[in-house]
C-alpha atoms as a PDB file:
ATOM      1  CA  UNK A   1     -22.081  35.450  -7.602  1.00  0.00           C
ATOM      2  CA  UNK A   2     -22.255  31.643  -7.167  1.00  0.00           C
ATOM      3  CA  UNK A   3     -21.172  29.298  -4.455  1.00  0.00           C
ATOM      4  CA  UNK A   4     -17.798  28.635  -6.106  1.00  0.00           C
ATOM      5  CA  UNK A   5     -16.725  32.231  -5.730  1.00  0.00           C
ATOM      6  CA  UNK A   6     -18.581  33.389  -2.640  1.00  0.00           C
ATOM      7  CA  UNK A   7     -18.451  30.353  -0.418  1.00  0.00           C
ATOM      8  CA  UNK A   8     -22.205  30.724   0.220  1.00  0.00           C
ATOM      9  CA  UNK A   9     -24.475  27.669  -0.194  1.00  0.00           C
ATOM     10  CA  UNK A  10     -25.888  27.102  -3.634  1.00  0.00           C
ATOM     11  CA  UNK A  11     -29.484  28.291  -4.054  1.00  0.00           C
ATOM     12  CA  UNK A  12     -30.510  25.470  -6.406  1.00  0.00           C
ATOM     13  CA  UNK A  13     -30.287  21.708  -6.419  1.00  0.00           C
ATOM     14  CA  UNK A  14     -30.950  18.517  -8.330  1.00  0.00           C
ATOM     15  CA  UNK A  15     -32.275  15.337  -6.755  1.00  0.00           C
ATOM     16  CA  UNK A  16     -31.885  12.087  -8.701  1.00  0.00           C
ATOM     17  CA  UNK A  17     -35.015  10.053  -8.017  1.00  0.00           C
ATOM     18  CA  UNK A  18     -35.072   7.666 -10.949  1.00  0.00           C
ATOM     19  CA  UNK A  19     -34.258   3.938 -11.029  1.00  0.00           C
ATOM     20  CA  UNK A  20     -36.395   0.975 -10.049  1.00  0.00           C
ATOM     21  CA  UNK A  21     -34.486   0.147  -6.813  1.00  0.00           C
ATOM     22  CA  UNK A  22     -35.113  -3.617  -7.005  1.00  0.00           C
ATOM     23  CA  UNK A  23     -33.158  -4.200  -3.767  1.00  0.00           C
ATOM     24  CA  UNK A  24     -35.788  -2.150  -1.934  1.00  0.00           C
ATOM     25  CA  UNK A  25     -38.737  -4.308  -2.951  1.00  0.00           C
ATOM     26  CA  UNK A  26     -41.468  -4.658  -1.762  1.00  0.00           C
ATOM     27  CA  UNK A  27     -41.288  -0.953  -0.760  1.00  0.00           C
ATOM     28  CA  UNK A  28     -40.632   0.095  -4.347  1.00  0.00           C
ATOM     29  CA  UNK A  29     -43.336  -2.098  -5.916  1.00  0.00           C
ATOM     30  CA  UNK A  30     -45.698   0.937  -5.716  1.00  0.00           C
ATOM     31  CA  UNK A  31     -43.348   3.935  -5.413  1.00  0.00           C
ATOM     32  CA  UNK A  32     -39.950   5.234  -6.512  1.00  0.00           C
ATOM     33  CA  UNK A  33     -37.022   4.976  -4.057  1.00  0.00           C
ATOM     34  CA  UNK A  34     -37.253   8.663  -2.997  1.00  0.00           C
ATOM     35  CA  UNK A  35     -40.824   8.014  -1.782  1.00  0.00           C
ATOM     36  CA  UNK A  36     -39.885   5.101   0.486  1.00  0.00           C
ATOM     37  CA  UNK A  37     -40.857   5.953   4.036  1.00  0.00           C
ATOM     38  CA  UNK A  38     -38.193   6.077   6.750  1.00  0.00           C
ATOM     39  CA  UNK A  39     -39.666   6.702  10.240  1.00  0.00           C
ATOM     40  CA  UNK A  40     -43.027   7.420   8.559  1.00  0.00           C
ATOM     41  CA  UNK A  41     -41.747  10.068   6.158  1.00  0.00           C
ATOM     42  CA  UNK A  42     -40.578   9.793   2.537  1.00  0.00           C
ATOM     43  CA  UNK A  43     -36.857  10.181   2.012  1.00  0.00           C
ATOM     44  CA  UNK A  44     -37.369  13.138  -0.274  1.00  0.00           C
ATOM     45  CA  UNK A  45     -39.210  15.057   2.471  1.00  0.00           C
ATOM     46  CA  UNK A  46     -36.133  14.893   4.705  1.00  0.00           C
ATOM     47  CA  UNK A  47     -33.982  16.059   1.811  1.00  0.00           C
ATOM     48  CA  UNK A  48     -36.149  19.006   0.886  1.00  0.00           C
ATOM     49  CA  UNK A  49     -36.423  20.123   4.547  1.00  0.00           C
ATOM     50  CA  UNK A  50     -32.645  19.985   4.899  1.00  0.00           C
ATOM     51  CA  UNK A  51     -32.075  21.984   1.709  1.00  0.00           C
ATOM     52  CA  UNK A  52     -34.640  24.600   2.783  1.00  0.00           C
ATOM     53  CA  UNK A  53     -32.720  25.187   5.994  1.00  0.00           C
ATOM     54  CA  UNK A  54     -29.800  26.436   3.903  1.00  0.00           C
ATOM     55  CA  UNK A  55     -31.914  28.690   1.731  1.00  0.00           C
ATOM     56  CA  UNK A  56     -32.013  26.490  -1.362  1.00  0.00           C
ATOM     57  CA  UNK A  57     -34.754  28.138  -3.412  1.00  0.00           C
ATOM     58  CA  UNK A  58     -35.336  25.698  -6.315  1.00  0.00           C
ATOM     59  CA  UNK A  59     -35.013  21.984  -6.718  1.00  0.00           C
ATOM     60  CA  UNK A  60     -35.310  19.941  -9.883  1.00  0.00           C
ATOM     61  CA  UNK A  61     -36.329  16.322  -9.217  1.00  0.00           C
ATOM     62  CA  UNK A  62     -35.336  13.993 -11.996  1.00  0.00           C
ATOM     63  CA  UNK A  63     -37.415  10.803 -12.028  1.00  0.00           C
ATOM     64  CA  UNK A  64     -38.619   7.970 -14.246  1.00  0.00           C
ATOM     65  CA  UNK A  65     -39.961   4.874 -12.513  1.00  0.00           C
ATOM     66  CA  UNK A  66     -43.356   5.511 -10.835  1.00  0.00           C
ATOM     67  CA  UNK A  67     -42.915   9.195 -11.533  1.00  0.00           C
ATOM     68  CA  UNK A  68     -46.604   9.926 -11.028  1.00  0.00           C
ATOM     69  CA  UNK A  69     -46.385   8.943  -7.370  1.00  0.00           C
ATOM     70  CA  UNK A  70     -43.574  11.370  -6.713  1.00  0.00           C
ATOM     71  CA  UNK A  71     -45.248  14.099  -8.777  1.00  0.00           C
ATOM     72  CA  UNK A  72     -48.532  13.770  -6.885  1.00  0.00           C
ATOM     73  CA  UNK A  73     -46.753  13.887  -3.523  1.00  0.00           C
ATOM     74  CA  UNK A  74     -44.693  16.980  -4.376  1.00  0.00           C
ATOM     75  CA  UNK A  75     -47.759  18.808  -5.724  1.00  0.00           C
ATOM     76  CA  UNK A  76     -49.387  18.519  -2.343  1.00  0.00           C
ATOM     77  CA  UNK A  77     -46.532  20.108  -0.396  1.00  0.00           C
ATOM     78  CA  UNK A  78     -46.087  23.794   0.301  1.00  0.00           C
ATOM     79  CA  UNK A  79     -43.258  26.037   1.374  1.00  0.00           C
ATOM     80  CA  UNK A  80     -39.642  26.289   0.268  1.00  0.00           C
ATOM     81  CA  UNK A  81     -37.947  25.192  -1.798  1.00  0.00           C
ATOM     82  CA  UNK A  82     -39.861  25.472  -5.071  1.00  0.00           C
ATOM     83  CA  UNK A  83     -39.799  22.031  -6.720  1.00  0.00           C
ATOM     84  CA  UNK A  84     -40.167  21.052 -10.352  1.00  0.00           C
ATOM     85  CA  UNK A  85     -40.333  17.478 -11.592  1.00  0.00           C
ATOM     86  CA  UNK A  86     -38.546  16.329 -14.710  1.00  0.00           C
ATOM     87  CA  UNK A  87     -39.475  12.919 -16.123  1.00  0.00           C
ATOM     88  CA  UNK A  88     -36.897  10.970 -18.143  1.00  0.00           C
ATOM     89  CA  UNK A  89     -38.504   9.563 -21.316  1.00  0.00           C
ATOM     90  CA  UNK A  90     -35.964   6.757 -21.146  1.00  0.00           C
ATOM     91  CA  UNK A  91     -33.254   5.782 -18.627  1.00  0.00           C
ATOM     92  CA  UNK A  92     -30.204   8.021 -18.980  1.00  0.00           C
ATOM     93  CA  UNK A  93     -28.084   6.653 -16.219  1.00  0.00           C
ATOM     94  CA  UNK A  94     -27.135   8.768 -13.245  1.00  0.00           C
ATOM     95  CA  UNK A  95     -24.663  10.985 -15.078  1.00  0.00           C
ATOM     96  CA  UNK A  96     -27.094  11.520 -17.923  1.00  0.00           C
ATOM     97  CA  UNK A  97     -29.895  12.269 -15.507  1.00  0.00           C
ATOM     98  CA  UNK A  98     -27.758  14.842 -13.726  1.00  0.00           C
ATOM     99  CA  UNK A  99     -26.935  16.610 -16.963  1.00  0.00           C
ATOM    100  CA  UNK A 100     -30.555  16.502 -18.099  1.00  0.00           C
ATOM    101  CA  UNK A 101     -31.868  17.929 -14.829  1.00  0.00           C
ATOM    102  CA  UNK A 102     -29.167  20.576 -14.483  1.00  0.00           C
ATOM    103  CA  UNK A 103     -30.303  22.076 -17.799  1.00  0.00           C
ATOM    104  CA  UNK A 104     -33.690  22.734 -16.189  1.00  0.00           C
ATOM    105  CA  UNK A 105     -32.305  24.748 -13.297  1.00  0.00           C
ATOM    106  CA  UNK A 106     -33.415  28.409 -13.260  1.00  0.00           C
ATOM    107  CA  UNK A 107     -29.823  29.738 -13.088  1.00  0.00           C
ATOM    108  CA  UNK A 108     -27.849  27.672 -15.527  1.00  0.00           C
ATOM    109  CA  UNK A 109     -24.666  29.630 -14.976  1.00  0.00           C
ATOM    110  CA  UNK A 110     -24.700  29.250 -11.171  1.00  0.00           C
ATOM    111  CA  UNK A 111     -23.433  26.498  -8.901  1.00  0.00           C
ATOM    112  CA  UNK A 112     -25.826  23.793  -7.762  1.00  0.00           C
ATOM    113  CA  UNK A 113     -26.097  20.924  -5.307  1.00  0.00           C
ATOM    114  CA  UNK A 114     -26.925  17.402  -6.416  1.00  0.00           C
ATOM    115  CA  UNK A 115     -28.263  14.574  -4.252  1.00  0.00           C
ATOM    116  CA  UNK A 116     -28.932  10.934  -4.870  1.00  0.00           C
ATOM    117  CA  UNK A 117     -32.562  10.190  -4.005  1.00  0.00           C
ATOM    118  CA  UNK A 118     -31.685   7.406  -1.511  1.00  0.00           C
ATOM    119  CA  UNK A 119     -29.538   9.461   0.865  1.00  0.00           C
ATOM    120  CA  UNK A 120     -30.435  10.669   4.333  1.00  0.00           C
ATOM    121  CA  UNK A 121     -27.894  13.167   5.673  1.00  0.00           C
ATOM    122  CA  UNK A 122     -27.591  16.324   7.674  1.00  0.00           C
ATOM    123  CA  UNK A 123     -24.389  18.340   7.600  1.00  0.00           C
ATOM    124  CA  UNK A 124     -23.720  22.106   7.250  1.00  0.00           C
ATOM    125  CA  UNK A 125     -24.012  23.056   3.613  1.00  0.00           C
ATOM    126  CA  UNK A 126     -22.540  26.487   4.301  1.00  0.00           C
ATOM    127  CA  UNK A 127     -19.303  24.838   5.436  1.00  0.00           C
ATOM    128  CA  UNK A 128     -19.486  22.498   2.397  1.00  0.00           C
ATOM    129  CA  UNK A 129     -19.669  25.540   0.147  1.00  0.00           C
ATOM    130  CA  UNK A 130     -16.784  27.315   1.867  1.00  0.00           C
ATOM    131  CA  UNK A 131     -14.667  24.195   1.473  1.00  0.00           C
ATOM    132  CA  UNK A 132     -15.547  24.015  -2.219  1.00  0.00           C
ATOM    133  CA  UNK A 133     -14.703  27.647  -2.759  1.00  0.00           C
ATOM    134  CA  UNK A 134     -11.366  27.340  -0.921  1.00  0.00           C
ATOM    135  CA  UNK A 135     -10.274  24.378  -3.060  1.00  0.00           C
ATOM    136  CA  UNK A 136     -11.142  26.058  -6.328  1.00  0.00           C
ATOM    137  CA  UNK A 137     -12.149  22.884  -8.158  1.00  0.00           C
ATOM    138  CA  UNK A 138     -15.080  22.247 -10.421  1.00  0.00           C
ATOM    139  CA  UNK A 139     -16.792  19.666  -8.208  1.00  0.00           C
ATOM    140  CA  UNK A 140     -16.733  18.627  -4.566  1.00  0.00           C
ATOM    141  CA  UNK A 141     -18.036  15.281  -3.281  1.00  0.00           C
ATOM    142  CA  UNK A 142     -19.343  14.805   0.229  1.00  0.00           C
ATOM    143  CA  UNK A 143     -17.619  11.768   1.735  1.00  0.00           C
ATOM    144  CA  UNK A 144     -19.010   9.485   4.456  1.00  0.00           C
ATOM    145  CA  UNK A 145     -16.871   7.262   6.596  1.00  0.00           C
ATOM    146  CA  UNK A 146     -17.378   3.609   5.655  1.00  0.00           C
ATOM    147  CA  UNK A 147     -19.245   1.492   8.168  1.00  0.00           C
ATOM    148  CA  UNK A 148     -18.948  -2.243   7.541  1.00  0.00           C
ATOM    149  CA  UNK A 149     -22.002  -4.466   7.803  1.00  0.00           C
ATOM    150  CA  UNK A 150     -19.793  -7.190   9.268  1.00  0.00           C
ATOM    151  CA  UNK A 151     -18.719  -7.761  12.817  1.00  0.00           C
ATOM    152  CA  UNK A 152     -14.976  -7.215  13.573  1.00  0.00           C
ATOM    153  CA  UNK A 153     -13.042  -9.712  15.657  1.00  0.00           C
ATOM    154  CA  UNK A 154     -10.331  -8.270  17.978  1.00  0.00           C
ATOM    155  CA  UNK A 155      -7.706 -11.013  17.815  1.00  0.00           C
ATOM    156  CA  UNK A 156      -4.147 -10.832  18.995  1.00  0.00           C
ATOM    157  CA  UNK A 157      -1.067 -12.442  17.413  1.00  0.00           C
ATOM    158  CA  UNK A 158      -1.283 -15.713  19.422  1.00  0.00           C
ATOM    159  CA  UNK A 159      -4.895 -16.233  18.277  1.00  0.00           C
ATOM    160  CA  UNK A 160      -6.566 -15.093  21.516  1.00  0.00           C
ATOM    161  CA  UNK A 161      -9.851 -13.319  20.830  1.00  0.00           C
ATOM    162  CA  UNK A 162     -10.292 -10.282  23.046  1.00  0.00           C
ATOM    163  CA  UNK A 163     -13.753  -9.285  21.839  1.00  0.00           C
ATOM    164  CA  UNK A 164     -16.078  -8.283  19.014  1.00  0.00           C
ATOM    165  CA  UNK A 165     -17.404  -5.095  17.531  1.00  0.00           C
ATOM    166  CA  UNK A 166     -20.480  -5.045  15.347  1.00  0.00           C
ATOM    167  CA  UNK A 167     -20.515  -2.801  12.216  1.00  0.00           C
ATOM    168  CA  UNK A 168     -17.716  -0.395  13.187  1.00  0.00           C
ATOM    169  CA  UNK A 169     -16.610   2.635  11.179  1.00  0.00           C
ATOM    170  CA  UNK A 170     -13.487   1.882   9.186  1.00  0.00           C
ATOM    171  CA  UNK A 171     -10.724   4.287   8.163  1.00  0.00           C
ATOM    172  CA  UNK A 172     -12.007   4.609   4.620  1.00  0.00           C
ATOM    173  CA  UNK A 173     -14.279   7.167   2.886  1.00  0.00           C
ATOM    174  CA  UNK A 174     -17.047   6.569   0.377  1.00  0.00           C
ATOM    175  CA  UNK A 175     -18.982   8.759  -2.008  1.00  0.00           C
ATOM    176  CA  UNK A 176     -21.953  10.023   0.054  1.00  0.00           C
ATOM    177  CA  UNK A 177     -24.115  10.896  -2.958  1.00  0.00           C
ATOM    178  CA  UNK A 178     -24.136  14.643  -2.270  1.00  0.00           C
ATOM    179  CA  UNK A 179     -22.208  16.990  -4.647  1.00  0.00           C
ATOM    180  CA  UNK A 180     -21.535  20.640  -5.206  1.00  0.00           C
ATOM    181  CA  UNK A 181     -21.002  21.481  -8.876  1.00  0.00           C
ATOM    182  CA  UNK A 182     -19.856  24.620 -10.596  1.00  0.00           C
ATOM    183  CA  UNK A 183     -21.971  25.271 -13.687  1.00  0.00           C
ATOM    184  CA  UNK A 184     -18.960  24.436 -15.835  1.00  0.00           C
ATOM    185  CA  UNK A 185     -19.226  20.844 -14.673  1.00  0.00           C
ATOM    186  CA  UNK A 186     -22.595  20.279 -16.400  1.00  0.00           C
ATOM    187  CA  UNK A 187     -21.271  19.961 -20.017  1.00  0.00           C
ATOM    188  CA  UNK A 188     -18.650  17.517 -18.744  1.00  0.00           C
ATOM    189  CA  UNK A 189     -21.350  15.109 -17.529  1.00  0.00           C
ATOM    190  CA  UNK A 190     -22.234  12.299 -19.903  1.00  0.00           C
ATOM    191  CA  UNK A 191     -25.350  12.425 -22.028  1.00  0.00           C
ATOM    192  CA  UNK A 192     -25.906   8.831 -20.959  1.00  0.00           C
ATOM    193  CA  UNK A 193     -24.197   6.684 -18.420  1.00  0.00           C
ATOM    194  CA  UNK A 194     -22.533   7.124 -15.042  1.00  0.00           C
ATOM    195  CA  UNK A 195     -20.601  10.233 -14.073  1.00  0.00           C
ATOM    196  CA  UNK A 196     -18.639   8.263 -11.488  1.00  0.00           C
ATOM    197  CA  UNK A 197     -16.895   6.212 -14.171  1.00  0.00           C
ATOM    198  CA  UNK A 198     -16.350   9.070 -16.642  1.00  0.00           C
ATOM    199  CA  UNK A 199     -16.552  12.711 -15.403  1.00  0.00           C
ATOM    200  CA  UNK A 200     -15.231  12.115 -11.907  1.00  0.00           C
ATOM    201  CA  UNK A 201     -12.066  10.230 -12.957  1.00  0.00           C
ATOM    202  CA  UNK A 202     -11.335  12.895 -15.555  1.00  0.00           C
ATOM    203  CA  UNK A 203     -11.731  15.707 -13.091  1.00  0.00           C
ATOM    204  CA  UNK A 204      -9.622  13.877 -10.502  1.00  0.00           C
ATOM    205  CA  UNK A 205      -6.855  13.390 -13.079  1.00  0.00           C
ATOM    206  CA  UNK A 206      -6.928  17.178 -13.712  1.00  0.00           C
ATOM    207  CA  UNK A 207      -6.843  18.022  -9.942  1.00  0.00           C
ATOM    208  CA  UNK A 208     -10.267  19.660 -10.135  1.00  0.00           C
ATOM    209  CA  UNK A 209     -12.224  17.180  -7.919  1.00  0.00           C
ATOM    210  CA  UNK A 210     -12.212  17.373  -4.140  1.00  0.00           C
ATOM    211  CA  UNK A 211     -13.714  15.499  -1.196  1.00  0.00           C
ATOM    212  CA  UNK A 212     -15.406  16.974   1.864  1.00  0.00           C
ATOM    213  CA  UNK A 213     -15.549  14.619   4.835  1.00  0.00           C
ATOM    214  CA  UNK A 214     -18.964  14.626   6.559  1.00  0.00           C
ATOM    215  CA  UNK A 215     -18.989  14.762  10.369  1.00  0.00           C
ATOM    216  CA  UNK A 216     -22.765  14.756  10.688  1.00  0.00           C
ATOM    217  CA  UNK A 217     -25.369  12.092  10.150  1.00  0.00           C
ATOM    218  CA  UNK A 218     -25.300  10.090   6.924  1.00  0.00           C
ATOM    219  CA  UNK A 219     -27.185   7.028   5.818  1.00  0.00           C
ATOM    220  CA  UNK A 220     -27.644   5.433   2.436  1.00  0.00           C
ATOM    221  CA  UNK A 221     -30.989   3.647   1.993  1.00  0.00           C
ATOM    222  CA  UNK A 222     -30.393   0.829  -0.529  1.00  0.00           C
ATOM    223  CA  UNK A 223     -32.004  -2.245   1.001  1.00  0.00           C
ATOM    224  CA  UNK A 224     -34.938  -3.312   3.125  1.00  0.00           C
ATOM    225  CA  UNK A 225     -32.474  -3.682   6.023  1.00  0.00           C
ATOM    226  CA  UNK A 226     -31.381  -0.072   5.584  1.00  0.00           C
ATOM    227  CA  UNK A 227     -35.031   1.141   5.767  1.00  0.00           C
ATOM    228  CA  UNK A 228     -35.603  -0.795   9.030  1.00  0.00           C
ATOM    229  CA  UNK A 229     -32.352   0.334  10.648  1.00  0.00           C
ATOM    230  CA  UNK A 230     -32.719   3.979   9.581  1.00  0.00           C
ATOM    231  CA  UNK A 231     -36.334   4.007  10.799  1.00  0.00           C
ATOM    232  CA  UNK A 232     -35.090   2.939  14.238  1.00  0.00           C
ATOM    233  CA  UNK A 233     -32.172   5.329  14.227  1.00  0.00           C
ATOM    234  CA  UNK A 234     -33.764   8.609  13.118  1.00  0.00           C
ATOM    235  CA  UNK A 235     -36.268   8.988  16.018  1.00  0.00           C
ATOM    236  CA  UNK A 236     -33.329   8.827  18.395  1.00  0.00           C
ATOM    237  CA  UNK A 237     -31.755  11.877  16.705  1.00  0.00           C
ATOM    238  CA  UNK A 238     -32.657  15.511  17.192  1.00  0.00           C
ATOM    239  CA  UNK A 239     -33.931  16.702  13.766  1.00  0.00           C
ATOM    240  CA  UNK A 240     -30.895  17.817  11.804  1.00  0.00           C
ATOM    241  CA  UNK A 241     -28.427  17.319  14.657  1.00  0.00           C
ATOM    242  CA  UNK A 242     -25.402  18.508  12.705  1.00  0.00           C
ATOM    243  CA  UNK A 243     -26.872  21.321  10.612  1.00  0.00           C
END
């Protein structure tokens, strides 16, 4: 029985760790994005530790750029989950990489989690799975509340400025880069290209795509500024504060 029918967390996952991540240079001059260190630990170590807490047993890591660095690092680790590395011979795009990696999962007829390799997040995957099961769709996206990088000015109608707020959360939700897929989603992913511009709009039009709003910690690591800010933020948090 898979997560779509039982509401239990998926026992397998895919992590997308390809791409050259030019906006993260110089960090990515010598390593792939998933190996960039935040608070002295590679991003992928946080991800694997989080997945292990929810009994994920097997993870397929799809990579390309500087794949040998990631492979060497993962070979040295021990403990759950079991990890296998899949190297793309040529760039497939995120959707193509997802489809390619999903075919290497040990249970190809079971549900699976998928994570972008540049995401730091901790939220309860058991609740995520229950939500997915209750909705009965093919895919569920984790959604993070949008935090603007700009400062907001509190100004009244006559032009008087009452104050300022730096980088507030706004009432909008963005794709958090964490998904729960039924196995039937895999053949709907593109062989090449981006699932966000093909598969997701198609599923949404069919009413088979749902969004789960994260209440726990989430941080995308896309730029040098993100690395520095996340490195300062994480030590202030209890490890996995929200599950």
